Amino acid sequence: MDTQAIKDRVIAVKAKREYLLQLLEKPDLGALKIDVSQALEEMDDLLDEFHRTFPNEVI
């Protein structure tokens, strides 16, 4: 997989992260709030790893 393909996928993940943040704010989420929080945490880890691997790439 080339760098551009990885960057494109990370951009897609970042866009979905924003949706999860909005979802987390909903009061009727119930037990799914734990899963959404976990997904956000894993996405943040992925984004951090991307920035460590490609420090000069801006997404």
PDB file of N, CA and C in Angstrom:
ATOM      1  N   MET A   1       0.858  -1.166   0.000  1.00  0.00           N
ATOM      2  CA  MET A   1       0.000   0.000   0.000  1.00  0.00           C
ATOM      3  C   MET A   1       0.909   1.234   0.000  1.00  0.00           C
ATOM      4  N   ASP A   2       0.598   2.170  -0.860  1.00  0.00           N
ATOM      5  CA  ASP A   2       1.434   3.365  -0.934  1.00  0.00           C
ATOM      6  C   ASP A   2       0.976   4.429   0.068  1.00  0.00           C
ATOM      7  N   THR A   3       1.818   5.430   0.209  1.00  0.00           N
ATOM      8  CA  THR A   3       1.574   6.482   1.198  1.00  0.00           C
ATOM      9  C   THR A   3       0.260   7.214   0.939  1.00  0.00           C
ATOM     10  N   GLN A   4      -0.050   7.484  -0.321  1.00  0.00           N
ATOM     11  CA  GLN A   4      -1.284   8.213  -0.637  1.00  0.00           C
ATOM     12  C   GLN A   4      -2.515   7.399  -0.257  1.00  0.00           C
ATOM     13  N   ALA A   5      -2.484   6.107  -0.479  1.00  0.00           N
ATOM     14  CA  ALA A   5      -3.621   5.255  -0.115  1.00  0.00           C
ATOM     15  C   ALA A   5      -3.827   5.245   1.399  1.00  0.00           C
ATOM     16  N   ILE A   6      -2.735   5.176   2.134  1.00  0.00           N
ATOM     17  CA  ILE A   6      -2.828   5.221   3.606  1.00  0.00           C
ATOM     18  C   ILE A   6      -3.398   6.560   4.042  1.00  0.00           C
ATOM     19  N   LYS A   7      -2.898   7.630   3.452  1.00  0.00           N
ATOM     20  CA  LYS A   7      -3.378   8.976   3.799  1.00  0.00           C
ATOM     21  C   LYS A   7      -4.876   9.108   3.509  1.00  0.00           C
ATOM     22  N   ASP A   8      -5.322   8.579   2.362  1.00  0.00           N
ATOM     23  CA  ASP A   8      -6.746   8.647   2.011  1.00  0.00           C
ATOM     24  C   ASP A   8      -7.613   7.903   3.029  1.00  0.00           C
ATOM     25  N   ARG A   9      -7.144   6.757   3.479  1.00  0.00           N
ATOM     26  CA  ARG A   9      -7.898   5.984   4.465  1.00  0.00           C
ATOM     27  C   ARG A   9      -7.930   6.676   5.825  1.00  0.00           C
ATOM     28  N   VAL A  10      -6.820   7.301   6.197  1.00  0.00           N
ATOM     29  CA  VAL A  10      -6.781   8.014   7.473  1.00  0.00           C
ATOM     30  C   VAL A  10      -7.707   9.221   7.425  1.00  0.00           C
ATOM     31  N   ILE A  11      -7.777   9.889   6.288  1.00  0.00           N
ATOM     32  CA  ILE A  11      -8.705  11.021   6.132  1.00  0.00           C
ATOM     33  C   ILE A  11     -10.144  10.533   6.302  1.00  0.00           C
ATOM     34  N   ALA A  12     -10.463   9.369   5.749  1.00  0.00           N
ATOM     35  CA  ALA A  12     -11.816   8.808   5.899  1.00  0.00           C
ATOM     36  C   ALA A  12     -12.107   8.488   7.360  1.00  0.00           C
ATOM     37  N   VAL A  13     -11.128   7.939   8.058  1.00  0.00           N
ATOM     38  CA  VAL A  13     -11.291   7.626   9.484  1.00  0.00           C
ATOM     39  C   VAL A  13     -11.520   8.910  10.276  1.00  0.00           C
ATOM     40  N   LYS A  14     -10.751   9.933   9.952  1.00  0.00           N
ATOM     41  CA  LYS A  14     -10.883  11.212  10.660  1.00  0.00           C
ATOM     42  C   LYS A  14     -12.278  11.807  10.473  1.00  0.00           C
ATOM     43  N   ALA A  15     -12.837  11.677   9.284  1.00  0.00           N
ATOM     44  CA  ALA A  15     -14.187  12.181   9.026  1.00  0.00           C
ATOM     45  C   ALA A  15     -15.216  11.411   9.854  1.00  0.00           C
ATOM     46  N   LYS A  16     -15.033  10.116   9.988  1.00  0.00           N
ATOM     47  CA  LYS A  16     -15.961   9.306  10.783  1.00  0.00           C
ATOM     48  C   LYS A  16     -15.815   9.601  12.274  1.00  0.00           C
ATOM     49  N   ARG A  17     -14.629  10.014  12.668  1.00  0.00           N
ATOM     50  CA  ARG A  17     -14.400  10.378  14.066  1.00  0.00           C
ATOM     51  C   ARG A  17     -15.293  11.543  14.470  1.00  0.00           C
ATOM     52  N   GLU A  18     -15.435  12.509  13.586  1.00  0.00           N
ATOM     53  CA  GLU A  18     -16.298  13.661  13.866  1.00  0.00           C
ATOM     54  C   GLU A  18     -17.745  13.214  14.079  1.00  0.00           C
ATOM     55  N   TYR A  19     -18.193  12.252  13.303  1.00  0.00           N
ATOM     56  CA  TYR A  19     -19.549  11.725  13.466  1.00  0.00           C
ATOM     57  C   TYR A  19     -19.705  11.056  14.830  1.00  0.00           C
ATOM     58  N   LEU A  20     -18.694  10.292  15.239  1.00  0.00           N
ATOM     59  CA  LEU A  20     -18.760   9.628  16.541  1.00  0.00           C
ATOM     60  C   LEU A  20     -18.787  10.640  17.680  1.00  0.00           C
ATOM     61  N   LEU A  21     -18.072  11.740  17.529  1.00  0.00           N
ATOM     62  CA  LEU A  21     -18.111  12.795  18.557  1.00  0.00           C
ATOM     63  C   LEU A  21     -19.524  13.355  18.701  1.00  0.00           C
ATOM     64  N   GLN A  22     -20.187  13.562  17.580  1.00  0.00           N
ATOM     65  CA  GLN A  22     -21.568  14.052  17.620  1.00  0.00           C
ATOM     66  C   GLN A  22     -22.492  13.007  18.252  1.00  0.00           C
ATOM     67  N   LEU A  23     -22.272  11.762  17.914  1.00  0.00           N
ATOM     68  CA  LEU A  23     -23.078  10.683  18.461  1.00  0.00           C
ATOM     69  C   LEU A  23     -22.903  10.574  19.972  1.00  0.00           C
ATOM     70  N   LEU A  24     -21.698  10.776  20.440  1.00  0.00           N
ATOM     71  CA  LEU A  24     -21.399  10.677  21.863  1.00  0.00           C
ATOM     72  C   LEU A  24     -22.172  11.712  22.688  1.00  0.00           C
ATOM     73  N   GLU A  25     -22.528  12.825  22.075  1.00  0.00           N
ATOM     74  CA  GLU A  25     -23.241  13.893  22.774  1.00  0.00           C
ATOM     75  C   GLU A  25     -24.736  13.609  22.943  1.00  0.00           C
ATOM     76  N   LYS A  26     -25.242  12.600  22.253  1.00  0.00           N
ATOM     77  CA  LYS A  26     -26.674  12.292  22.348  1.00  0.00           C
ATOM     78  C   LYS A  26     -26.991  11.672  23.704  1.00  0.00           C
ATOM     79  N   PRO A  27     -28.028  12.167  24.367  1.00  0.00           N
ATOM     80  CA  PRO A  27     -28.349  11.680  25.713  1.00  0.00           C
ATOM     81  C   PRO A  27     -28.967  10.282  25.748  1.00  0.00           C
ATOM     82  N   ASP A  28     -29.516   9.821  24.638  1.00  0.00           N
ATOM     83  CA  ASP A  28     -30.211   8.537  24.637  1.00  0.00           C
ATOM     84  C   ASP A  28     -29.339   7.380  24.110  1.00  0.00           C
ATOM     85  N   LEU A  29     -28.043   7.507  24.215  1.00  0.00           N
ATOM     86  CA  LEU A  29     -27.125   6.517  23.675  1.00  0.00           C
ATOM     87  C   LEU A  29     -27.066   5.255  24.523  1.00  0.00           C
ATOM     88  N   GLY A  30     -27.266   5.397  25.795  1.00  0.00           N
ATOM     89  CA  GLY A  30     -27.287   4.243  26.696  1.00  0.00           C
ATOM     90  C   GLY A  30     -25.955   3.518  26.756  1.00  0.00           C
ATOM     91  N   ALA A  31     -26.025   2.192  26.711  1.00  0.00           N
ATOM     92  CA  ALA A  31     -24.827   1.362  26.838  1.00  0.00           C
ATOM     93  C   ALA A  31     -23.894   1.498  25.636  1.00  0.00           C
ATOM     94  N   LEU A  32     -24.415   1.970  24.516  1.00  0.00           N
ATOM     95  CA  LEU A  32     -23.557   2.155  23.338  1.00  0.00           C
ATOM     96  C   LEU A  32     -22.511   3.246  23.545  1.00  0.00           C
ATOM     97  N   LYS A  33     -22.715   4.065  24.552  1.00  0.00           N
ATOM     98  CA  LYS A  33     -21.759   5.140  24.832  1.00  0.00           C
ATOM     99  C   LYS A  33     -20.362   4.574  25.099  1.00  0.00           C
ATOM    100  N   ILE A  34     -20.304   3.421  25.742  1.00  0.00           N
ATOM    101  CA  ILE A  34     -19.018   2.775  26.024  1.00  0.00           C
ATOM    102  C   ILE A  34     -18.338   2.381  24.715  1.00  0.00           C
ATOM    103  N   ASP A  35     -19.096   1.792  23.794  1.00  0.00           N
ATOM    104  CA  ASP A  35     -18.533   1.367  22.505  1.00  0.00           C
ATOM    105  C   ASP A  35     -18.073   2.564  21.675  1.00  0.00           C
ATOM    106  N   VAL A  36     -18.854   3.628  21.689  1.00  0.00           N
ATOM    107  CA  VAL A  36     -18.490   4.827  20.936  1.00  0.00           C
ATOM    108  C   VAL A  36     -17.214   5.441  21.528  1.00  0.00           C
ATOM    109  N   SER A  37     -17.124   5.479  22.826  1.00  0.00           N
ATOM    110  CA  SER A  37     -15.927   6.003  23.482  1.00  0.00           C
ATOM    111  C   SER A  37     -14.701   5.164  23.130  1.00  0.00           C
ATOM    112  N   GLN A  38     -14.865   3.851  23.124  1.00  0.00           N
ATOM    113  CA  GLN A  38     -13.761   2.949  22.763  1.00  0.00           C
ATOM    114  C   GLN A  38     -13.342   3.169  21.309  1.00  0.00           C
ATOM    115  N   ALA A  39     -14.298   3.322  20.423  1.00  0.00           N
ATOM    116  CA  ALA A  39     -13.985   3.556  19.010  1.00  0.00           C
ATOM    117  C   ALA A  39     -13.219   4.862  18.843  1.00  0.00           C
ATOM    118  N   LEU A  40     -13.628   5.894  19.562  1.00  0.00           N
ATOM    119  CA  LEU A  40     -12.916   7.172  19.503  1.00  0.00           C
ATOM    120  C   LEU A  40     -11.482   7.040  20.009  1.00  0.00           C
ATOM    121  N   GLU A  41     -11.317   6.295  21.075  1.00  0.00           N
ATOM    122  CA  GLU A  41      -9.982   6.087  21.634  1.00  0.00           C
ATOM    123  C   GLU A  41      -9.082   5.364  20.626  1.00  0.00           C
ATOM    124  N   GLU A  42      -9.625   4.353  19.979  1.00  0.00           N
ATOM    125  CA  GLU A  42      -8.838   3.613  18.991  1.00  0.00           C
ATOM    126  C   GLU A  42      -8.528   4.461  17.762  1.00  0.00           C
ATOM    127  N   MET A  43      -9.476   5.294  17.359  1.00  0.00           N
ATOM    128  CA  MET A  43      -9.221   6.198  16.241  1.00  0.00           C
ATOM    129  C   MET A  43      -8.127   7.200  16.594  1.00  0.00           C
ATOM    130  N   ASP A  44      -8.169   7.718  17.800  1.00  0.00           N
ATOM    131  CA  ASP A  44      -7.131   8.651  18.239  1.00  0.00           C
ATOM    132  C   ASP A  44      -5.756   7.985  18.235  1.00  0.00           C
ATOM    133  N   ASP A  45      -5.707   6.723  18.665  1.00  0.00           N
ATOM    134  CA  ASP A  45      -4.445   5.982  18.629  1.00  0.00           C
ATOM    135  C   ASP A  45      -3.956   5.824  17.194  1.00  0.00           C
ATOM    136  N   LEU A  46      -4.864   5.514  16.287  1.00  0.00           N
ATOM    137  CA  LEU A  46      -4.510   5.367  14.882  1.00  0.00           C
ATOM    138  C   LEU A  46      -3.983   6.678  14.303  1.00  0.00           C
ATOM    139  N   LEU A  47      -4.652   7.775  14.612  1.00  0.00           N
ATOM    140  CA  LEU A  47      -4.216   9.079  14.113  1.00  0.00           C
ATOM    141  C   LEU A  47      -2.853   9.466  14.684  1.00  0.00           C
ATOM    142  N   ASP A  48      -2.633   9.178  15.959  1.00  0.00           N
ATOM    143  CA  ASP A  48      -1.326   9.450  16.568  1.00  0.00           C
ATOM    144  C   ASP A  48      -0.229   8.633  15.894  1.00  0.00           C
ATOM    145  N   GLU A  49      -0.521   7.371  15.631  1.00  0.00           N
ATOM    146  CA  GLU A  49       0.462   6.505  14.978  1.00  0.00           C
ATOM    147  C   GLU A  49       0.762   7.001  13.564  1.00  0.00           C
ATOM    148  N   PHE A  50      -0.256   7.456  12.860  1.00  0.00           N
ATOM    149  CA  PHE A  50      -0.051   8.006  11.519  1.00  0.00           C
ATOM    150  C   PHE A  50       0.889   9.203  11.584  1.00  0.00           C
ATOM    151  N   HIS A  51       0.650  10.095  12.541  1.00  0.00           N
ATOM    152  CA  HIS A  51       1.492  11.294  12.656  1.00  0.00           C
ATOM    153  C   HIS A  51       2.921  10.957  13.078  1.00  0.00           C
ATOM    154  N   ARG A  52       3.095   9.905  13.858  1.00  0.00           N
ATOM    155  CA  ARG A  52       4.449   9.484  14.217  1.00  0.00           C
ATOM    156  C   ARG A  52       5.169   8.864  13.019  1.00  0.00           C
ATOM    157  N   THR A  53       4.418   8.133  12.202  1.00  0.00           N
ATOM    158  CA  THR A  53       5.008   7.470  11.041  1.00  0.00           C
ATOM    159  C   THR A  53       5.285   8.444   9.908  1.00  0.00           C
ATOM    160  N   PHE A  54       4.366   9.377   9.716  1.00  0.00           N
ATOM    161  CA  PHE A  54       4.488  10.379   8.636  1.00  0.00           C
ATOM    162  C   PHE A  54       4.402  11.770   9.266  1.00  0.00           C
ATOM    163  N   PRO A  55       5.462  12.220   9.917  1.00  0.00           N
ATOM    164  CA  PRO A  55       5.399  13.490  10.659  1.00  0.00           C
ATOM    165  C   PRO A  55       5.154  14.724   9.782  1.00  0.00           C
ATOM    166  N   ASN A  56       5.475  14.664   8.529  1.00  0.00           N
ATOM    167  CA  ASN A  56       5.317  15.836   7.669  1.00  0.00           C
ATOM    168  C   ASN A  56       4.000  15.863   6.905  1.00  0.00           C
ATOM    169  N   GLU A  57       3.200  14.814   7.054  1.00  0.00           N
ATOM    170  CA  GLU A  57       1.908  14.753   6.371  1.00  0.00           C
ATOM    171  C   GLU A  57       0.854  15.497   7.174  1.00  0.00           C
ATOM    172  N   VAL A  58       0.096  16.326   6.479  1.00  0.00           N
ATOM    173  CA  VAL A  58      -0.991  17.069   7.119  1.00  0.00           C
ATOM    174  C   VAL A  58      -2.302  16.492   6.608  1.00  0.00           C
ATOM    175  N   ILE A  59      -3.145  16.103   7.553  1.00  0.00           N
ATOM    176  CA  ILE A  59      -4.456  15.579   7.174  1.00  0.00           C
ATOM    177  C   ILE A  59      -5.538  16.378   7.849  1.00  0.00           C
TER     178      ILE A  59
END
